[in-house]
Amino acid sequence: MNKKNLQGYTFTRNKNGLAIPTNIQSGIIRNYCEKNNYNFKLHLDEFCLDGSFIQLFQILKNKKDINAIGICSIYFLPENKDLLQKIFSISKKRKIEIIFIFENIIFKSQNINIFIKEISQIKKINFLTKK
């Protein structure tokens, strides 16, 4: 059985108190790959600019040999629903799974609006979300 390729995506900014060094995030993603039979592709760090998701879009639009993107948490996604819609639309069109390791959630091809609502609800019940 051929292994799928998973591209790591690490987030370099503090997000509502969640700040994990990129080497730790990369280790978590690599460990996930080992346990779930993926080939690990070295992570790309997001730029430190506030509101930047350039590297995530770079992976989604330009990577040709990946089947999945591994992200430690849904908290490393933008809050803006239009940006979320765009991310998941590209992912769905290119058949790239997005795996959120801490929450054990995988976006494959489900309804985008429902998925965005579900992750928003998870964020609301978590202590990291601003009230």
Protein backbone atom coordinates (compact mmCIF):
# COMPACT_ATOMS: atom_id res chain seq x y z
CA MET A 1 0.00 0.00 0.00
CA ASN A 2 1.36 3.38 -0.99
CA LYS A 3 1.71 5.95 1.73
CA LYS A 4 0.08 9.35 1.29
CA ASN A 5 2.26 12.46 1.49
CA LEU A 6 1.54 14.93 4.29
CA GLN A 7 2.96 18.46 4.24
CA GLY A 8 3.51 19.99 7.66
CA TYR A 9 2.31 23.56 8.29
CA THR A 10 3.56 25.31 11.41
CA PHE A 11 2.34 28.54 12.91
CA THR A 12 4.90 30.96 14.32
CA ARG A 13 2.66 33.46 16.12
CA ASN A 14 1.00 33.41 19.53
CA LYS A 15 -2.70 32.78 18.94
CA ASN A 16 -4.90 33.55 21.95
CA GLY A 17 -2.20 32.31 24.31
CA LEU A 18 -1.32 29.24 22.25
CA ALA A 19 2.33 29.48 21.24
CA ILE A 20 4.21 26.31 20.35
CA PRO A 21 7.76 26.44 18.99
CA THR A 22 7.89 25.31 15.36
CA ASN A 23 10.34 22.49 16.10
CA ILE A 24 7.85 21.06 18.60
CA GLN A 25 4.97 21.44 16.13
CA SER A 26 7.07 19.72 13.47
CA GLY A 27 7.79 16.83 15.85
CA ILE A 28 4.08 16.46 16.62
CA ILE A 29 3.25 16.39 12.91
CA ARG A 30 6.07 13.93 12.18
CA ASN A 31 4.84 11.66 14.99
CA TYR A 32 1.30 11.81 13.56
CA CYS A 33 2.69 10.74 10.17
CA GLU A 34 4.53 7.78 11.67
CA LYS A 35 1.46 6.58 13.57
CA ASN A 36 -0.94 7.10 10.65
CA ASN A 37 1.13 5.81 7.73
CA TYR A 38 1.93 9.12 5.97
CA ASN A 39 5.17 10.22 4.37
CA PHE A 40 6.23 13.38 6.22
CA LYS A 41 7.15 16.38 4.08
CA LEU A 42 9.18 18.97 5.97
CA HIS A 43 6.97 21.71 7.41
CA LEU A 44 6.63 25.24 6.10
CA ASP A 45 6.55 27.99 8.74
CA GLU A 46 3.92 30.68 8.41
CA PHE A 47 5.32 34.19 8.25
CA CYS A 48 5.33 36.19 11.49
CA LEU A 49 3.22 38.99 10.01
CA ASP A 50 -0.08 39.39 11.81
CA GLY A 51 -2.90 37.92 9.75
CA SER A 52 -0.55 36.19 7.29
CA PHE A 53 -1.59 32.83 5.83
CA ILE A 54 0.64 33.12 2.76
CA GLN A 55 2.45 29.83 3.37
CA LEU A 56 -0.80 27.92 3.88
CA PHE A 57 -2.11 29.19 0.55
CA GLN A 58 1.27 28.40 -1.02
CA ILE A 59 0.91 24.78 0.06
CA LEU A 60 -2.71 24.56 -1.06
CA LYS A 61 -2.19 26.12 -4.47
CA ASN A 62 1.28 25.03 -5.56
CA LYS A 63 2.25 21.72 -3.99
CA LYS A 64 1.74 18.92 -6.48
CA ASP A 65 2.76 15.82 -4.58
CA ILE A 66 0.81 16.09 -1.33
CA ASN A 67 -2.38 14.41 -0.18
CA ALA A 68 -2.73 16.14 3.17
CA ILE A 69 -1.65 19.11 5.26
CA GLY A 70 -0.91 18.54 8.94
CA ILE A 71 -1.66 21.42 11.31
CA CYS A 72 -1.43 21.14 15.08
CA SER A 73 -4.64 23.03 15.85
CA ILE A 74 -7.74 24.68 14.40
CA TYR A 75 -6.55 27.76 16.30
CA PHE A 76 -3.85 28.22 13.67
CA LEU A 77 -6.52 29.03 11.06
CA PRO A 78 -7.79 32.53 10.32
CA GLU A 79 -10.85 33.82 12.15
CA ASN A 80 -12.21 35.41 8.98
CA LYS A 81 -14.94 33.17 7.53
CA ASP A 82 -14.25 34.28 3.94
CA LEU A 83 -10.62 33.18 4.28
CA LEU A 84 -11.72 29.89 5.85
CA GLN A 85 -14.14 29.36 2.98
CA LYS A 86 -11.32 29.96 0.49
CA ILE A 87 -8.93 27.60 2.30
CA PHE A 88 -11.42 24.75 2.45
CA SER A 89 -12.64 25.34 -1.11
CA ILE A 90 -9.12 25.01 -2.50
CA SER A 91 -8.50 21.98 -0.30
CA LYS A 92 -11.69 20.31 -1.50
CA LYS A 93 -11.03 21.11 -5.17
CA ARG A 94 -7.44 19.78 -5.02
CA LYS A 95 -8.47 16.80 -2.84
CA ILE A 96 -6.02 17.73 -0.10
CA GLU A 97 -7.08 16.68 3.39
CA ILE A 98 -6.42 19.13 6.23
CA ILE A 99 -5.68 17.34 9.47
CA PHE A 100 -5.95 19.15 12.83
CA ILE A 101 -3.94 16.94 15.15
CA PHE A 102 -4.84 18.27 18.62
CA GLU A 103 -8.58 18.23 17.94
CA ASN A 104 -8.44 14.96 15.93
CA ILE A 105 -10.45 16.54 13.10
CA ILE A 106 -9.94 15.95 9.39
CA PHE A 107 -11.39 18.07 6.60
CA LYS A 108 -11.77 15.96 3.46
CA SER A 109 -14.74 16.82 1.32
CA GLN A 110 -17.53 17.60 3.73
CA ASN A 111 -19.82 20.60 3.47
CA ILE A 112 -17.61 23.64 4.01
CA ASN A 113 -20.17 25.84 5.80
CA ILE A 114 -21.06 23.06 8.23
CA PHE A 115 -17.38 22.33 8.87
CA ILE A 116 -16.67 26.01 9.58
CA LYS A 117 -19.61 26.09 12.03
CA GLU A 118 -18.32 22.96 13.76
CA ILE A 119 -14.82 24.31 14.28
CA SER A 120 -16.28 27.65 15.45
CA GLN A 121 -18.33 25.79 18.06
CA ILE A 122 -15.25 23.90 19.25
CA LYS A 123 -13.42 27.20 19.64
CA LYS A 124 -16.30 28.70 21.64
CA ILE A 125 -16.19 25.96 24.27
CA ASN A 126 -12.44 26.11 24.61
CA PHE A 127 -10.77 28.44 27.10
CA LEU A 128 -8.49 29.91 24.42
CA THR A 129 -11.28 31.74 22.62
CA LYS A 130 -11.77 35.38 23.47
CA LYS A 131 -15.23 36.08 24.80
